[in-house]
């Protein structure tokens, strides 16, 4: 999991608990002509769920672990759904890490 996007490129990021075992993560998609974000990759490390927003070349085959569940809207936002089991949720950017939930 190698982060490609800086924090400022994907803001605002909004996390919402949907059910006891699921989170919704909405983020801005950085507009690029040769790349796109089709979702996120994640890993559980102890009591932390680390998330990286995936960046794919338009001609590459990409298979993010959690794919976007809505088409891009006029605000260039994507939404993914993630499994959640009470962990601290950390979004890993190219320039920093930040706890985004709880």
Protein backbone atom coordinates (compact mmCIF):
# COMPACT_ATOMS: atom_id res chain seq x y z
CA UNK A 1 0.00 0.00 0.00
CA UNK A 2 1.80 3.04 -1.28
CA UNK A 3 -0.02 6.37 -0.92
CA UNK A 4 -0.08 8.59 -3.99
CA UNK A 5 -2.31 11.48 -2.98
CA UNK A 6 -1.42 14.32 -0.61
CA UNK A 7 -3.99 15.19 2.04
CA UNK A 8 -4.96 18.41 0.25
CA UNK A 9 -5.73 16.48 -2.98
CA UNK A 10 -8.55 14.39 -1.45
CA UNK A 11 -10.15 16.79 1.04
CA UNK A 12 -12.76 16.91 2.34
CA UNK A 13 -12.82 13.37 3.73
CA UNK A 14 -16.02 12.38 5.54
CA UNK A 15 -16.44 9.16 7.53
CA UNK A 16 -19.82 7.90 8.66
CA UNK A 17 -20.68 4.73 10.55
CA UNK A 18 -23.42 2.91 8.63
CA UNK A 19 -23.83 -0.23 10.72
CA UNK A 20 -21.93 -1.87 13.56
CA UNK A 21 -19.63 -3.50 11.02
CA UNK A 22 -19.44 -0.94 8.18
CA UNK A 23 -18.12 2.58 7.53
CA UNK A 24 -18.73 4.92 4.62
CA UNK A 25 -15.73 6.95 3.47
CA UNK A 26 -16.31 9.87 1.09
CA UNK A 27 -13.39 11.74 -0.41
CA UNK A 28 -12.68 14.13 -3.24
CA UNK A 29 -11.20 12.64 -6.37
CA UNK A 30 -8.25 14.63 -7.66
CA UNK A 31 -9.02 15.39 -11.34
CA UNK A 32 -6.29 14.02 -13.59
CA UNK A 33 -6.34 13.12 -17.27
CA UNK A 34 -4.21 9.96 -17.05
CA UNK A 35 -5.15 8.62 -13.57
CA UNK A 36 -8.22 7.97 -11.47
CA UNK A 37 -9.21 6.65 -8.07
CA UNK A 38 -11.43 3.60 -8.22
CA UNK A 39 -11.44 2.98 -4.47
CA UNK A 40 -9.16 2.28 -1.53
CA UNK A 41 -6.86 -0.39 -0.17
CA UNK A 42 -6.66 -1.13 3.54
CA UNK A 43 -4.99 -3.28 6.14
CA UNK A 44 -5.57 -3.97 9.78
CA UNK A 45 -2.51 -3.49 11.99
CA UNK A 46 -3.32 -4.27 15.64
CA UNK A 47 -6.17 -2.01 16.69
CA UNK A 48 -5.77 0.28 13.65
CA UNK A 49 -7.35 0.11 10.20
CA UNK A 50 -4.99 1.85 7.74
CA UNK A 51 -6.49 3.12 4.49
CA UNK A 52 -4.78 4.31 1.30
CA UNK A 53 -6.71 5.91 -1.56
CA UNK A 54 -5.86 3.98 -4.72
CA UNK A 55 -4.49 5.74 -7.82
CA UNK A 56 -4.70 3.89 -11.13
CA UNK A 57 -3.57 4.71 -14.63
CA UNK A 58 -6.50 4.90 -17.04
CA UNK A 59 -5.06 2.07 -19.16
CA UNK A 60 -4.08 -0.10 -16.15
CA UNK A 61 -6.14 -2.86 -14.57
CA UNK A 62 -6.73 -1.88 -10.96
CA UNK A 63 -8.47 -3.87 -8.28
CA UNK A 64 -8.82 -1.81 -5.10
CA UNK A 65 -9.99 -3.76 -2.06
CA UNK A 66 -13.00 -1.45 -1.60
CA UNK A 67 -14.36 -0.07 -4.88
CA UNK A 68 -16.37 3.13 -5.19
CA UNK A 69 -20.10 2.58 -4.75
CA UNK A 70 -21.32 5.75 -6.47
CA UNK A 71 -20.44 7.35 -9.79
CA UNK A 72 -18.47 10.57 -9.54
CA UNK A 73 -20.83 13.43 -8.85
CA UNK A 74 -20.53 17.08 -9.87
CA UNK A 75 -18.38 17.67 -6.76
CA UNK A 76 -15.88 14.98 -7.87
CA UNK A 77 -16.52 12.86 -4.78
CA UNK A 78 -16.25 9.11 -4.41
CA UNK A 79 -17.66 6.84 -1.72
CA UNK A 80 -16.44 3.46 -0.54
CA UNK A 81 -17.74 1.11 2.14
CA UNK A 82 -15.32 -0.56 4.52
CA UNK A 83 -15.58 -3.34 7.09
CA UNK A 84 -15.35 -1.95 10.61
CA UNK A 85 -14.85 -3.72 13.92
CA UNK A 86 -14.16 -0.88 16.36
CA UNK A 87 -10.62 -0.05 15.23
CA UNK A 88 -9.02 3.37 15.07
CA UNK A 89 -9.18 4.39 11.40
CA UNK A 90 -6.14 6.11 9.88
CA UNK A 91 -5.97 7.54 6.36
CA UNK A 92 -2.45 7.37 4.95
CA UNK A 93 -1.58 10.21 2.56
CA UNK A 94 1.61 10.73 0.59
CA UNK A 95 2.56 13.58 2.93
CA UNK A 96 1.09 12.48 6.30
CA UNK A 97 -1.17 10.11 8.23
CA UNK A 98 -4.31 11.22 10.02
CA UNK A 99 -6.80 9.50 12.28
CA UNK A 100 -10.22 9.96 10.68
CA UNK A 101 -12.41 7.80 12.94
CA UNK A 102 -13.54 7.78 15.74
